[in-house]
N, C-alpha and C. Protein backbone atom coordinates (compact mmCIF):
# COMPACT_ATOMS: atom_id res chain seq x y z
N UNK A 1 15.79 -75.27 34.69
CA UNK A 1 15.28 -74.70 33.43
C UNK A 1 14.38 -73.51 33.76
N UNK A 2 14.67 -72.35 33.16
CA UNK A 2 13.87 -71.17 33.45
C UNK A 2 12.57 -71.17 32.65
N UNK A 3 11.75 -70.19 32.94
CA UNK A 3 10.42 -70.11 32.32
C UNK A 3 10.49 -69.97 30.81
N UNK A 4 11.43 -69.18 30.30
CA UNK A 4 11.55 -69.00 28.84
C UNK A 4 11.94 -70.29 28.15
N UNK A 5 12.82 -71.06 28.82
CA UNK A 5 13.26 -72.33 28.23
C UNK A 5 12.10 -73.31 28.15
N UNK A 6 11.28 -73.34 29.20
CA UNK A 6 10.12 -74.24 29.23
C UNK A 6 9.16 -73.89 28.10
N UNK A 7 8.90 -72.58 27.93
CA UNK A 7 8.00 -72.13 26.87
C UNK A 7 8.55 -72.52 25.51
N UNK A 8 9.87 -72.37 25.33
CA UNK A 8 10.51 -72.72 24.04
C UNK A 8 10.37 -74.21 23.76
N UNK A 9 10.56 -75.06 24.77
CA UNK A 9 10.44 -76.52 24.60
C UNK A 9 9.01 -76.89 24.22
N UNK A 10 8.03 -76.31 24.91
CA UNK A 10 6.62 -76.59 24.62
C UNK A 10 6.27 -76.18 23.20
N UNK A 11 6.72 -74.99 22.81
CA UNK A 11 6.44 -74.49 21.46
C UNK A 11 7.07 -75.40 20.42
N UNK A 12 8.29 -75.87 20.71
CA UNK A 12 8.98 -76.76 19.76
C UNK A 12 8.22 -78.07 19.61
N UNK A 13 7.72 -78.62 20.74
CA UNK A 13 6.97 -79.87 20.70
C UNK A 13 5.68 -79.70 19.90
N UNK A 14 4.99 -78.59 20.09
CA UNK A 14 3.76 -78.32 19.35
C UNK A 14 4.05 -78.23 17.85
N UNK A 15 5.11 -77.50 17.50
CA UNK A 15 5.48 -77.34 16.09
C UNK A 15 5.84 -78.69 15.48
N UNK A 16 6.59 -79.51 16.24
CA UNK A 16 6.99 -80.83 15.73
C UNK A 16 5.77 -81.72 15.51
N UNK A 17 4.82 -81.67 16.46
CA UNK A 17 3.60 -82.46 16.33
C UNK A 17 2.83 -82.06 15.09
N UNK A 18 2.77 -80.74 14.84
CA UNK A 18 2.07 -80.26 13.66
C UNK A 18 2.72 -80.73 12.38
N UNK A 19 4.06 -80.72 12.35
CA UNK A 19 4.77 -81.19 11.16
C UNK A 19 4.58 -82.68 10.96
N UNK A 20 4.56 -83.44 12.08
CA UNK A 20 4.37 -84.89 11.98
C UNK A 20 2.99 -85.21 11.44
N UNK A 21 1.99 -84.46 11.91
CA UNK A 21 0.63 -84.67 11.44
C UNK A 21 0.51 -84.35 9.97
N UNK A 22 1.17 -83.26 9.53
CA UNK A 22 1.14 -82.91 8.12
C UNK A 22 1.80 -83.99 7.27
N UNK A 23 2.87 -84.55 7.79
CA UNK A 23 3.58 -85.60 7.05
C UNK A 23 2.72 -86.85 6.91
N UNK A 24 1.93 -87.15 7.97
CA UNK A 24 1.06 -88.32 7.93
C UNK A 24 -0.08 -88.12 6.94
N UNK A 25 -0.73 -86.96 7.03
CA UNK A 25 -1.90 -86.72 6.19
C UNK A 25 -1.52 -86.48 4.74
N UNK A 26 -0.27 -86.05 4.50
CA UNK A 26 0.15 -85.76 3.13
C UNK A 26 0.16 -87.01 2.26
N UNK A 27 0.31 -88.21 2.87
CA UNK A 27 0.37 -89.45 2.11
C UNK A 27 -1.01 -89.97 1.75
N UNK A 28 -2.05 -89.42 2.35
CA UNK A 28 -3.41 -89.84 2.06
C UNK A 28 -3.89 -89.22 0.76
N UNK A 29 -4.63 -90.00 -0.02
CA UNK A 29 -5.14 -89.51 -1.29
C UNK A 29 -6.51 -90.14 -1.55
N UNK A 30 -7.41 -89.36 -2.10
CA UNK A 30 -8.73 -89.86 -2.45
C UNK A 30 -8.87 -89.94 -3.97
N UNK A 31 -9.30 -91.10 -4.45
CA UNK A 31 -9.52 -91.29 -5.88
C UNK A 31 -11.02 -91.43 -6.14
N UNK A 32 -11.56 -90.58 -7.00
CA UNK A 32 -12.99 -90.65 -7.34
C UNK A 32 -13.25 -91.85 -8.24
N UNK A 33 -14.40 -92.50 -8.02
CA UNK A 33 -14.78 -93.66 -8.83
C UNK A 33 -15.23 -93.21 -10.21
N UNK A 34 -14.77 -93.91 -11.23
CA UNK A 34 -15.22 -93.69 -12.60
C UNK A 34 -16.56 -94.41 -12.77
N UNK A 35 -17.65 -93.64 -12.79
CA UNK A 35 -18.98 -94.23 -12.83
C UNK A 35 -19.38 -94.71 -14.23
N UNK A 36 -18.62 -94.33 -15.24
CA UNK A 36 -18.91 -94.80 -16.59
C UNK A 36 -18.52 -96.27 -16.77
N UNK A 37 -17.38 -96.64 -16.24
CA UNK A 37 -16.86 -97.99 -16.45
C UNK A 37 -17.09 -98.94 -15.28
N UNK A 38 -17.28 -98.41 -14.09
CA UNK A 38 -17.44 -99.26 -12.90
C UNK A 38 -18.84 -99.85 -12.85
N UNK A 39 -18.94 -101.08 -12.35
CA UNK A 39 -20.25 -101.74 -12.24
C UNK A 39 -20.18 -102.90 -11.26
N UNK A 40 -21.37 -103.32 -10.82
CA UNK A 40 -21.51 -104.54 -10.04
C UNK A 40 -22.28 -105.54 -10.91
N UNK A 41 -21.61 -106.61 -11.29
CA UNK A 41 -22.24 -107.65 -12.10
C UNK A 41 -23.02 -108.61 -11.21
N UNK A 42 -24.16 -109.09 -11.68
CA UNK A 42 -24.98 -109.99 -10.87
C UNK A 42 -25.43 -111.22 -11.66
N UNK A 43 -25.70 -112.28 -10.91
CA UNK A 43 -26.21 -113.53 -11.48
C UNK A 43 -27.19 -114.13 -10.49
N UNK A 44 -28.41 -114.39 -10.96
CA UNK A 44 -29.41 -115.04 -10.14
C UNK A 44 -29.84 -116.36 -10.77
N UNK A 45 -30.06 -117.38 -9.94
CA UNK A 45 -30.36 -118.70 -10.48
C UNK A 45 -31.65 -119.26 -9.88
N UNK A 46 -32.31 -120.11 -10.68
CA UNK A 46 -33.44 -120.91 -10.25
C UNK A 46 -33.27 -122.30 -10.89
N UNK A 47 -34.02 -123.31 -10.45
CA UNK A 47 -33.82 -124.66 -10.99
C UNK A 47 -33.95 -124.75 -12.50
N UNK A 48 -34.74 -123.86 -13.10
CA UNK A 48 -34.99 -123.94 -14.54
C UNK A 48 -34.12 -123.00 -15.38
N UNK A 49 -33.21 -122.27 -14.74
CA UNK A 49 -32.38 -121.35 -15.52
C UNK A 49 -31.73 -120.28 -14.68
N UNK A 50 -31.26 -119.24 -15.33
CA UNK A 50 -30.58 -118.15 -14.64
C UNK A 50 -30.67 -116.87 -15.45
N UNK A 51 -30.44 -115.75 -14.77
CA UNK A 51 -30.38 -114.45 -15.42
C UNK A 51 -29.13 -113.72 -14.95
N UNK A 52 -28.57 -112.92 -15.84
CA UNK A 52 -27.36 -112.20 -15.49
C UNK A 52 -27.44 -110.75 -16.01
N UNK A 53 -26.67 -109.88 -15.38
CA UNK A 53 -26.67 -108.47 -15.78
C UNK A 53 -25.75 -107.67 -14.90
N UNK A 54 -26.02 -106.38 -14.78
CA UNK A 54 -25.19 -105.52 -13.93
C UNK A 54 -25.98 -104.30 -13.49
N UNK A 55 -25.44 -103.61 -12.49
CA UNK A 55 -25.94 -102.30 -12.07
C UNK A 55 -24.75 -101.34 -12.06
N UNK A 56 -25.02 -100.07 -12.33
CA UNK A 56 -23.99 -99.05 -12.37
C UNK A 56 -23.82 -98.39 -11.00
N UNK A 57 -22.80 -97.59 -10.89
CA UNK A 57 -22.55 -96.82 -9.68
C UNK A 57 -22.82 -95.34 -9.94
N UNK A 58 -23.28 -94.63 -8.91
CA UNK A 58 -23.53 -93.20 -9.07
C UNK A 58 -22.41 -92.34 -8.49
N UNK A 59 -21.48 -92.95 -7.80
CA UNK A 59 -20.38 -92.18 -7.23
C UNK A 59 -19.65 -92.96 -6.17
N UNK A 60 -18.60 -92.36 -5.64
CA UNK A 60 -17.82 -93.00 -4.59
C UNK A 60 -16.37 -92.62 -4.69
N UNK A 61 -15.58 -93.13 -3.76
CA UNK A 61 -14.16 -92.83 -3.73
C UNK A 61 -13.43 -93.93 -2.96
N UNK A 62 -12.16 -94.07 -3.26
CA UNK A 62 -11.30 -94.94 -2.46
C UNK A 62 -10.20 -94.08 -1.84
N UNK A 63 -9.81 -94.46 -0.63
CA UNK A 63 -8.79 -93.71 0.09
C UNK A 63 -7.49 -94.49 0.03
N UNK A 64 -6.44 -93.83 -0.43
CA UNK A 64 -5.14 -94.45 -0.64
C UNK A 64 -4.13 -93.89 0.35
N UNK A 65 -3.33 -94.75 0.93
CA UNK A 65 -2.21 -94.32 1.76
C UNK A 65 -0.99 -95.15 1.37
N UNK A 66 0.06 -94.48 0.92
CA UNK A 66 1.30 -95.15 0.52
C UNK A 66 1.04 -96.25 -0.51
N UNK A 67 0.22 -95.90 -1.50
CA UNK A 67 -0.11 -96.78 -2.62
C UNK A 67 -0.86 -98.04 -2.22
N UNK A 68 -1.60 -97.96 -1.10
CA UNK A 68 -2.46 -99.06 -0.66
C UNK A 68 -3.84 -98.51 -0.32
N UNK A 69 -4.88 -99.26 -0.69
CA UNK A 69 -6.24 -98.88 -0.30
C UNK A 69 -6.42 -99.10 1.20
N UNK A 70 -6.93 -98.09 1.89
CA UNK A 70 -7.21 -98.24 3.31
C UNK A 70 -8.68 -98.00 3.63
N UNK A 71 -9.47 -97.56 2.65
CA UNK A 71 -10.88 -97.31 2.90
C UNK A 71 -11.58 -96.82 1.65
N UNK A 72 -12.83 -96.45 1.81
CA UNK A 72 -13.60 -95.92 0.69
C UNK A 72 -15.01 -96.45 0.69
N UNK A 73 -15.79 -95.99 -0.26
CA UNK A 73 -17.18 -96.43 -0.39
C UNK A 73 -17.67 -96.08 -1.79
N UNK A 74 -18.75 -96.75 -2.20
CA UNK A 74 -19.40 -96.38 -3.46
C UNK A 74 -20.89 -96.61 -3.36
N UNK A 75 -21.63 -95.88 -4.19
CA UNK A 75 -23.09 -95.92 -4.20
C UNK A 75 -23.58 -96.70 -5.42
N UNK A 76 -24.51 -97.63 -5.17
CA UNK A 76 -25.05 -98.50 -6.21
C UNK A 76 -26.39 -97.94 -6.68
N UNK A 77 -26.55 -97.81 -7.98
CA UNK A 77 -27.76 -97.23 -8.57
C UNK A 77 -28.70 -98.34 -9.04
N UNK A 78 -29.72 -98.67 -8.24
CA UNK A 78 -30.62 -99.77 -8.61
C UNK A 78 -31.57 -99.38 -9.75
N UNK A 79 -31.70 -98.12 -10.03
CA UNK A 79 -32.48 -97.71 -11.20
C UNK A 79 -31.78 -98.09 -12.50
N UNK A 80 -30.49 -98.43 -12.41
CA UNK A 80 -29.71 -98.73 -13.62
C UNK A 80 -29.65 -100.23 -13.91
N UNK A 81 -30.47 -101.05 -13.26
CA UNK A 81 -30.41 -102.50 -13.46
C UNK A 81 -30.50 -102.85 -14.95
N UNK A 82 -29.56 -103.68 -15.39
CA UNK A 82 -29.52 -104.14 -16.78
C UNK A 82 -29.53 -105.66 -16.78
N UNK A 83 -30.32 -106.26 -17.67
CA UNK A 83 -30.28 -107.70 -17.91
C UNK A 83 -29.58 -107.96 -19.24
N UNK A 84 -28.71 -108.97 -19.28
CA UNK A 84 -27.91 -109.22 -20.47
C UNK A 84 -28.32 -110.47 -21.25
N UNK A 85 -29.09 -111.37 -20.67
CA UNK A 85 -29.32 -112.66 -21.33
C UNK A 85 -30.62 -112.72 -22.12
N UNK A 86 -31.59 -111.87 -21.83
CA UNK A 86 -32.86 -111.90 -22.56
C UNK A 86 -32.79 -110.96 -23.76
N UNK A 87 -32.83 -111.52 -24.95
CA UNK A 87 -32.71 -110.71 -26.16
C UNK A 87 -34.04 -110.11 -26.61
N UNK A 88 -35.14 -110.74 -26.21
CA UNK A 88 -36.45 -110.19 -26.53
C UNK A 88 -36.69 -108.96 -25.66
N UNK A 89 -36.94 -107.83 -26.32
CA UNK A 89 -37.05 -106.56 -25.58
C UNK A 89 -38.18 -106.57 -24.58
N UNK A 90 -39.32 -107.14 -24.95
CA UNK A 90 -40.46 -107.16 -24.04
C UNK A 90 -40.18 -107.99 -22.80
N UNK A 91 -39.62 -109.18 -22.99
CA UNK A 91 -39.28 -110.05 -21.86
C UNK A 91 -38.21 -109.40 -20.98
N UNK A 92 -37.24 -108.76 -21.63
CA UNK A 92 -36.18 -108.09 -20.89
C UNK A 92 -36.76 -106.98 -20.01
N UNK A 93 -37.64 -106.16 -20.60
CA UNK A 93 -38.24 -105.06 -19.84
C UNK A 93 -39.08 -105.56 -18.69
N UNK A 94 -39.79 -106.68 -18.90
CA UNK A 94 -40.62 -107.23 -17.82
C UNK A 94 -39.76 -107.73 -16.67
N UNK A 95 -38.64 -108.39 -17.00
CA UNK A 95 -37.76 -108.88 -15.94
C UNK A 95 -37.16 -107.71 -15.16
N UNK A 96 -36.63 -106.73 -15.88
CA UNK A 96 -36.02 -105.58 -15.20
C UNK A 96 -37.05 -104.85 -14.34
N UNK A 97 -38.27 -104.70 -14.87
CA UNK A 97 -39.33 -104.06 -14.10
C UNK A 97 -39.65 -104.84 -12.84
N UNK A 98 -39.64 -106.17 -12.95
CA UNK A 98 -39.92 -107.01 -11.78
C UNK A 98 -38.79 -106.88 -10.75
N UNK A 99 -37.54 -106.85 -11.21
CA UNK A 99 -36.41 -106.70 -10.28
C UNK A 99 -36.47 -105.36 -9.55
N UNK A 100 -37.01 -104.34 -10.22
CA UNK A 100 -37.12 -103.02 -9.58
C UNK A 100 -38.33 -102.91 -8.65
N UNK A 101 -39.23 -103.88 -8.73
CA UNK A 101 -40.47 -103.82 -7.95
C UNK A 101 -40.22 -104.19 -6.49
N UNK A 102 -41.27 -104.06 -5.68
CA UNK A 102 -41.18 -104.38 -4.25
C UNK A 102 -40.90 -105.86 -4.01
N UNK A 103 -41.16 -106.73 -5.01
CA UNK A 103 -40.83 -108.14 -4.86
C UNK A 103 -39.33 -108.35 -4.67
N UNK A 104 -38.54 -107.49 -5.28
CA UNK A 104 -37.09 -107.63 -5.21
C UNK A 104 -36.45 -106.43 -4.52
N UNK A 105 -36.01 -105.42 -5.27
CA UNK A 105 -35.21 -104.35 -4.69
C UNK A 105 -35.99 -103.08 -4.35
N UNK A 106 -37.27 -103.03 -4.68
CA UNK A 106 -38.15 -101.92 -4.29
C UNK A 106 -37.47 -100.57 -4.58
N UNK A 107 -37.12 -100.38 -5.85
CA UNK A 107 -36.33 -99.23 -6.26
C UNK A 107 -37.04 -97.90 -6.01
N UNK A 108 -38.36 -97.90 -6.09
CA UNK A 108 -39.09 -96.65 -5.82
C UNK A 108 -38.84 -96.15 -4.41
N UNK A 109 -38.67 -97.08 -3.47
CA UNK A 109 -38.44 -96.72 -2.06
C UNK A 109 -36.95 -96.67 -1.73
N UNK A 110 -36.19 -97.55 -2.36
CA UNK A 110 -34.74 -97.63 -2.08
C UNK A 110 -33.97 -97.57 -3.40
N UNK A 111 -33.83 -96.39 -3.98
CA UNK A 111 -33.19 -96.27 -5.30
C UNK A 111 -31.70 -96.58 -5.31
N UNK A 112 -31.05 -96.49 -4.17
CA UNK A 112 -29.61 -96.72 -4.13
C UNK A 112 -29.24 -97.66 -2.99
N UNK A 113 -28.09 -98.28 -3.15
CA UNK A 113 -27.45 -99.04 -2.08
C UNK A 113 -26.06 -98.48 -1.86
N UNK A 114 -25.33 -99.08 -0.95
CA UNK A 114 -24.01 -98.54 -0.64
C UNK A 114 -23.10 -99.65 -0.12
N UNK A 115 -21.83 -99.58 -0.51
CA UNK A 115 -20.82 -100.46 0.08
C UNK A 115 -19.72 -99.60 0.66
N UNK A 116 -19.39 -99.85 1.93
CA UNK A 116 -18.34 -99.09 2.61
C UNK A 116 -17.26 -100.05 3.10
N UNK A 117 -16.03 -99.78 2.73
CA UNK A 117 -14.90 -100.62 3.13
C UNK A 117 -14.57 -100.39 4.60
N UNK A 118 -14.45 -101.48 5.35
CA UNK A 118 -14.06 -101.37 6.75
C UNK A 118 -12.68 -101.96 7.04
N UNK A 119 -12.21 -102.85 6.16
CA UNK A 119 -10.90 -103.47 6.39
C UNK A 119 -10.34 -103.99 5.07
N UNK A 120 -9.04 -103.81 4.86
CA UNK A 120 -8.36 -104.32 3.67
C UNK A 120 -7.11 -105.08 4.13
N UNK A 121 -6.99 -106.32 3.68
CA UNK A 121 -5.86 -107.16 4.07
C UNK A 121 -5.15 -107.68 2.83
N UNK A 122 -3.84 -107.52 2.77
CA UNK A 122 -3.07 -108.04 1.64
C UNK A 122 -2.98 -109.56 1.75
N UNK A 123 -3.06 -110.24 0.60
CA UNK A 123 -2.94 -111.68 0.58
C UNK A 123 -1.93 -112.08 -0.50
N UNK A 124 -1.34 -113.25 -0.33
CA UNK A 124 -0.40 -113.77 -1.32
C UNK A 124 -0.28 -115.27 -1.15
N UNK A 125 0.40 -115.92 -2.06
CA UNK A 125 0.57 -117.36 -1.98
C UNK A 125 -0.75 -118.09 -2.08
N UNK A 126 -0.93 -119.20 -1.34
CA UNK A 126 -2.17 -119.97 -1.40
C UNK A 126 -3.41 -119.17 -1.05
N UNK A 127 -3.24 -118.15 -0.18
CA UNK A 127 -4.40 -117.33 0.21
C UNK A 127 -4.96 -116.54 -0.95
N UNK A 128 -4.14 -116.33 -1.98
CA UNK A 128 -4.60 -115.56 -3.13
C UNK A 128 -5.61 -116.34 -3.98
N UNK A 129 -5.58 -117.66 -3.88
CA UNK A 129 -6.56 -118.48 -4.61
C UNK A 129 -6.29 -118.54 -6.10
N UNK A 130 -7.18 -119.25 -6.79
CA UNK A 130 -7.01 -119.45 -8.24
C UNK A 130 -7.14 -118.15 -9.01
N UNK A 131 -7.90 -117.19 -8.47
CA UNK A 131 -8.12 -115.91 -9.16
C UNK A 131 -6.97 -114.92 -8.95
N UNK A 132 -5.94 -115.35 -8.18
CA UNK A 132 -4.77 -114.50 -7.94
C UNK A 132 -5.15 -113.18 -7.30
N UNK A 133 -5.95 -113.25 -6.26
CA UNK A 133 -6.34 -112.05 -5.52
C UNK A 133 -5.12 -111.42 -4.86
N UNK A 134 -5.16 -110.12 -4.72
CA UNK A 134 -4.09 -109.41 -4.02
C UNK A 134 -4.52 -108.94 -2.64
N UNK A 135 -5.84 -108.82 -2.44
CA UNK A 135 -6.36 -108.29 -1.18
C UNK A 135 -7.65 -109.00 -0.78
N UNK A 136 -7.93 -108.98 0.51
CA UNK A 136 -9.22 -109.40 1.04
C UNK A 136 -9.93 -108.14 1.53
N UNK A 137 -11.13 -107.92 1.02
CA UNK A 137 -11.91 -106.72 1.36
C UNK A 137 -13.04 -107.09 2.29
N UNK A 138 -13.20 -106.33 3.36
CA UNK A 138 -14.34 -106.47 4.27
C UNK A 138 -15.08 -105.14 4.31
N UNK A 139 -16.40 -105.21 4.43
CA UNK A 139 -17.15 -103.97 4.47
C UNK A 139 -18.62 -104.16 4.77
N UNK A 140 -19.35 -103.06 4.73
CA UNK A 140 -20.79 -103.04 5.01
C UNK A 140 -21.55 -102.78 3.73
N UNK A 141 -22.45 -103.71 3.39
CA UNK A 141 -23.30 -103.56 2.21
C UNK A 141 -24.71 -103.19 2.66
N UNK A 142 -25.20 -102.08 2.14
CA UNK A 142 -26.55 -101.62 2.46
C UNK A 142 -27.45 -101.74 1.24
N UNK A 143 -28.55 -102.47 1.39
CA UNK A 143 -29.60 -102.58 0.37
C UNK A 143 -30.94 -102.57 1.07
N UNK A 144 -31.92 -101.91 0.47
CA UNK A 144 -33.27 -101.83 1.04
C UNK A 144 -33.25 -101.36 2.50
N UNK A 145 -32.31 -100.48 2.80
CA UNK A 145 -32.23 -99.92 4.14
C UNK A 145 -31.63 -100.85 5.18
N UNK A 146 -31.10 -102.00 4.75
CA UNK A 146 -30.53 -102.99 5.66
C UNK A 146 -29.03 -103.08 5.41
N UNK A 147 -28.25 -103.03 6.47
CA UNK A 147 -26.79 -103.10 6.36
C UNK A 147 -26.27 -104.40 6.96
N UNK A 148 -25.48 -105.13 6.17
CA UNK A 148 -24.87 -106.38 6.62
C UNK A 148 -23.40 -106.38 6.22
N UNK A 149 -22.60 -107.10 7.00
CA UNK A 149 -21.18 -107.22 6.69
C UNK A 149 -20.96 -108.30 5.63
N UNK A 150 -20.08 -108.01 4.66
CA UNK A 150 -19.69 -109.00 3.67
C UNK A 150 -18.18 -108.93 3.49
N UNK A 151 -17.61 -109.94 2.83
CA UNK A 151 -16.19 -109.93 2.52
C UNK A 151 -15.98 -110.67 1.21
N UNK A 152 -14.93 -110.31 0.50
CA UNK A 152 -14.64 -110.93 -0.78
C UNK A 152 -13.19 -110.65 -1.15
N UNK A 153 -12.67 -111.45 -2.08
CA UNK A 153 -11.32 -111.25 -2.60
C UNK A 153 -11.34 -110.23 -3.73
N UNK A 154 -10.19 -109.61 -3.96
CA UNK A 154 -10.09 -108.63 -5.05
C UNK A 154 -8.67 -108.59 -5.58
N UNK A 155 -8.57 -108.30 -6.85
CA UNK A 155 -7.27 -108.03 -7.48
C UNK A 155 -7.18 -106.53 -7.68
N UNK A 156 -6.27 -105.88 -6.97
CA UNK A 156 -6.17 -104.42 -6.96
C UNK A 156 -4.86 -103.98 -7.57
N UNK A 157 -4.96 -103.06 -8.52
CA UNK A 157 -3.77 -102.50 -9.15
C UNK A 157 -3.83 -100.98 -9.08
N UNK A 158 -2.77 -100.40 -8.57
CA UNK A 158 -2.63 -98.94 -8.52
C UNK A 158 -1.40 -98.56 -9.32
N UNK A 159 -1.65 -97.87 -10.44
CA UNK A 159 -0.55 -97.52 -11.34
C UNK A 159 -0.75 -96.11 -11.86
N UNK A 160 0.26 -95.29 -11.68
CA UNK A 160 0.21 -93.90 -12.14
C UNK A 160 -1.00 -93.14 -11.60
N UNK A 161 -1.31 -93.41 -10.34
CA UNK A 161 -2.40 -92.70 -9.69
C UNK A 161 -3.79 -93.16 -10.09
N UNK A 162 -3.89 -94.28 -10.82
CA UNK A 162 -5.17 -94.82 -11.26
C UNK A 162 -5.43 -96.16 -10.58
N UNK A 163 -6.68 -96.42 -10.28
CA UNK A 163 -7.08 -97.68 -9.64
C UNK A 163 -7.82 -98.57 -10.63
N UNK A 164 -7.44 -99.84 -10.66
CA UNK A 164 -8.21 -100.87 -11.35
C UNK A 164 -8.39 -102.01 -10.36
N UNK A 165 -9.62 -102.31 -10.02
CA UNK A 165 -9.90 -103.38 -9.06
C UNK A 165 -11.02 -104.26 -9.59
N UNK A 166 -10.79 -105.56 -9.57
CA UNK A 166 -11.79 -106.52 -10.00
C UNK A 166 -11.89 -107.63 -8.97
N UNK A 167 -13.05 -108.26 -8.91
CA UNK A 167 -13.22 -109.37 -7.98
C UNK A 167 -13.61 -110.62 -8.74
N UNK A 168 -13.20 -111.79 -8.25
CA UNK A 168 -13.81 -113.02 -8.74
C UNK A 168 -15.25 -113.06 -8.24
N UNK A 169 -16.05 -113.96 -8.78
CA UNK A 169 -17.44 -114.07 -8.35
C UNK A 169 -17.51 -114.48 -6.87
N UNK A 170 -18.43 -113.85 -6.15
CA UNK A 170 -18.70 -114.23 -4.77
C UNK A 170 -20.20 -114.18 -4.54
N UNK A 171 -20.68 -114.83 -3.50
CA UNK A 171 -22.13 -114.91 -3.28
C UNK A 171 -22.54 -114.21 -2.00
N UNK A 172 -23.75 -113.69 -2.04
CA UNK A 172 -24.42 -113.18 -0.83
C UNK A 172 -25.80 -113.82 -0.76
N UNK A 173 -26.33 -113.92 0.43
CA UNK A 173 -27.68 -114.43 0.65
C UNK A 173 -28.65 -113.25 0.57
N UNK A 174 -29.41 -113.18 -0.51
CA UNK A 174 -30.27 -112.01 -0.75
C UNK A 174 -31.31 -111.80 0.35
N UNK A 175 -31.72 -112.88 1.02
CA UNK A 175 -32.77 -112.75 2.04
C UNK A 175 -32.30 -111.96 3.26
N UNK A 176 -30.98 -111.85 3.45
CA UNK A 176 -30.48 -111.05 4.57
C UNK A 176 -30.78 -109.57 4.37
N UNK A 177 -31.08 -109.18 3.14
CA UNK A 177 -31.43 -107.79 2.84
C UNK A 177 -32.92 -107.66 2.48
N UNK A 178 -33.72 -108.65 2.87
CA UNK A 178 -35.16 -108.58 2.67
C UNK A 178 -35.61 -108.81 1.24
N UNK A 179 -34.74 -109.41 0.39
CA UNK A 179 -35.13 -109.76 -0.98
C UNK A 179 -35.61 -111.21 -0.93
N UNK A 180 -36.89 -111.39 -0.60
CA UNK A 180 -37.41 -112.71 -0.23
C UNK A 180 -38.23 -113.40 -1.32
N UNK A 181 -38.42 -112.78 -2.44
CA UNK A 181 -39.33 -113.31 -3.46
C UNK A 181 -38.94 -114.73 -3.87
N UNK A 182 -39.89 -115.65 -3.77
CA UNK A 182 -39.72 -117.05 -4.14
C UNK A 182 -38.48 -117.70 -3.52
N UNK A 183 -38.23 -117.35 -2.25
CA UNK A 183 -37.15 -117.98 -1.50
C UNK A 183 -37.68 -119.24 -0.82
N UNK A 184 -37.08 -120.37 -1.11
CA UNK A 184 -37.53 -121.64 -0.53
C UNK A 184 -37.27 -121.70 0.96
N UNK A 185 -36.27 -120.96 1.43
CA UNK A 185 -35.98 -120.96 2.86
C UNK A 185 -37.03 -120.19 3.65
N UNK A 186 -37.81 -119.37 2.97
CA UNK A 186 -38.86 -118.58 3.63
C UNK A 186 -40.25 -119.12 3.28
N UNK A 187 -40.43 -119.51 2.02
CA UNK A 187 -41.71 -120.05 1.56
C UNK A 187 -41.53 -121.51 1.17
N UNK A 188 -41.69 -122.41 2.14
CA UNK A 188 -41.38 -123.83 1.95
C UNK A 188 -42.29 -124.50 0.93
N UNK A 189 -43.48 -123.94 0.70
CA UNK A 189 -44.45 -124.58 -0.19
C UNK A 189 -44.15 -124.38 -1.67
N UNK A 190 -43.07 -123.71 -2.01
CA UNK A 190 -42.77 -123.40 -3.40
C UNK A 190 -42.36 -124.63 -4.22
N UNK A 191 -41.94 -125.71 -3.56
CA UNK A 191 -41.45 -126.91 -4.25
C UNK A 191 -40.32 -126.53 -5.20
N UNK A 192 -40.48 -126.79 -6.52
CA UNK A 192 -39.38 -126.46 -7.44
C UNK A 192 -39.57 -125.10 -8.12
N UNK A 193 -40.57 -124.34 -7.70
CA UNK A 193 -40.81 -123.02 -8.27
C UNK A 193 -40.17 -121.94 -7.40
N UNK A 194 -38.88 -122.06 -7.20
CA UNK A 194 -38.19 -121.12 -6.32
C UNK A 194 -36.97 -120.52 -7.00
N UNK A 195 -36.47 -119.45 -6.39
CA UNK A 195 -35.21 -118.82 -6.82
C UNK A 195 -34.20 -119.01 -5.70
N UNK A 196 -33.01 -119.40 -6.06
CA UNK A 196 -31.99 -119.64 -5.03
C UNK A 196 -31.70 -118.37 -4.23
N UNK A 197 -31.47 -118.57 -2.93
CA UNK A 197 -31.17 -117.42 -2.08
C UNK A 197 -29.83 -116.78 -2.42
N UNK A 198 -28.86 -117.61 -2.80
CA UNK A 198 -27.53 -117.07 -3.13
C UNK A 198 -27.57 -116.29 -4.44
N UNK A 199 -27.11 -115.07 -4.38
CA UNK A 199 -26.97 -114.22 -5.55
C UNK A 199 -25.47 -113.99 -5.77
N UNK A 200 -25.02 -114.22 -6.99
CA UNK A 200 -23.59 -114.10 -7.30
C UNK A 200 -23.27 -112.69 -7.79
N UNK A 201 -22.22 -112.11 -7.23
CA UNK A 201 -21.79 -110.76 -7.61
C UNK A 201 -20.33 -110.78 -8.04
N UNK A 202 -19.95 -109.81 -8.84
CA UNK A 202 -18.55 -109.56 -9.20
C UNK A 202 -18.42 -108.07 -9.49
N UNK A 203 -17.40 -107.44 -8.93
CA UNK A 203 -17.27 -105.99 -9.00
C UNK A 203 -16.12 -105.59 -9.92
N UNK A 204 -16.39 -104.63 -10.80
CA UNK A 204 -15.36 -103.98 -11.61
C UNK A 204 -15.29 -102.51 -11.18
N UNK A 205 -14.17 -102.10 -10.64
CA UNK A 205 -14.06 -100.76 -10.07
C UNK A 205 -12.86 -100.04 -10.67
N UNK A 206 -13.13 -98.83 -11.18
CA UNK A 206 -12.08 -98.01 -11.79
C UNK A 206 -12.15 -96.59 -11.22
N UNK A 207 -11.00 -95.96 -11.11
CA UNK A 207 -10.98 -94.55 -10.68
C UNK A 207 -10.82 -93.66 -11.89
N UNK A 208 -11.14 -92.38 -11.70
CA UNK A 208 -10.95 -91.40 -12.78
C UNK A 208 -9.46 -91.10 -12.96
């Protein structure tokens, strides 16, 4: 093979590699999160009762490849904490103010949190569970400057370029993120005046 032939082969290989890369990246798509409708629902319990509500998202995106989620992240706005069960405005405001205080989420210092997807696994059959999950999501949840790994099931639908994803309720241990207020596992002397460490979450996620 002469020198010109070698150069031609190398050039052809480079061109082919470039086309292959373009073909791979062309299937990737980013969908922006709809911050109007998306939310993280929460439920906190104590022996004498419970409170429920939600927080909104300030932004985020999911990465799609061949009509499957392969990654993404979203930002949680702790300034948007809403309580749904207290109808008295004064009591509601006091609870929300307390949740925003340093006793709980310390919103003045940590106004936002973040969830970043690290792995998505399709599930079916018995693995889907009673909630008929389609995927298992793993990722990193950051609150109060602390990042921990979590995982949960989700029902994900991608139709006409739009994402609708919901999760059944799942729990996290709030103390892993430094939310220690009235935790019996940390303050043993609380007796029955404690709040359970497990906080229940459920995510509703929509794209624009």
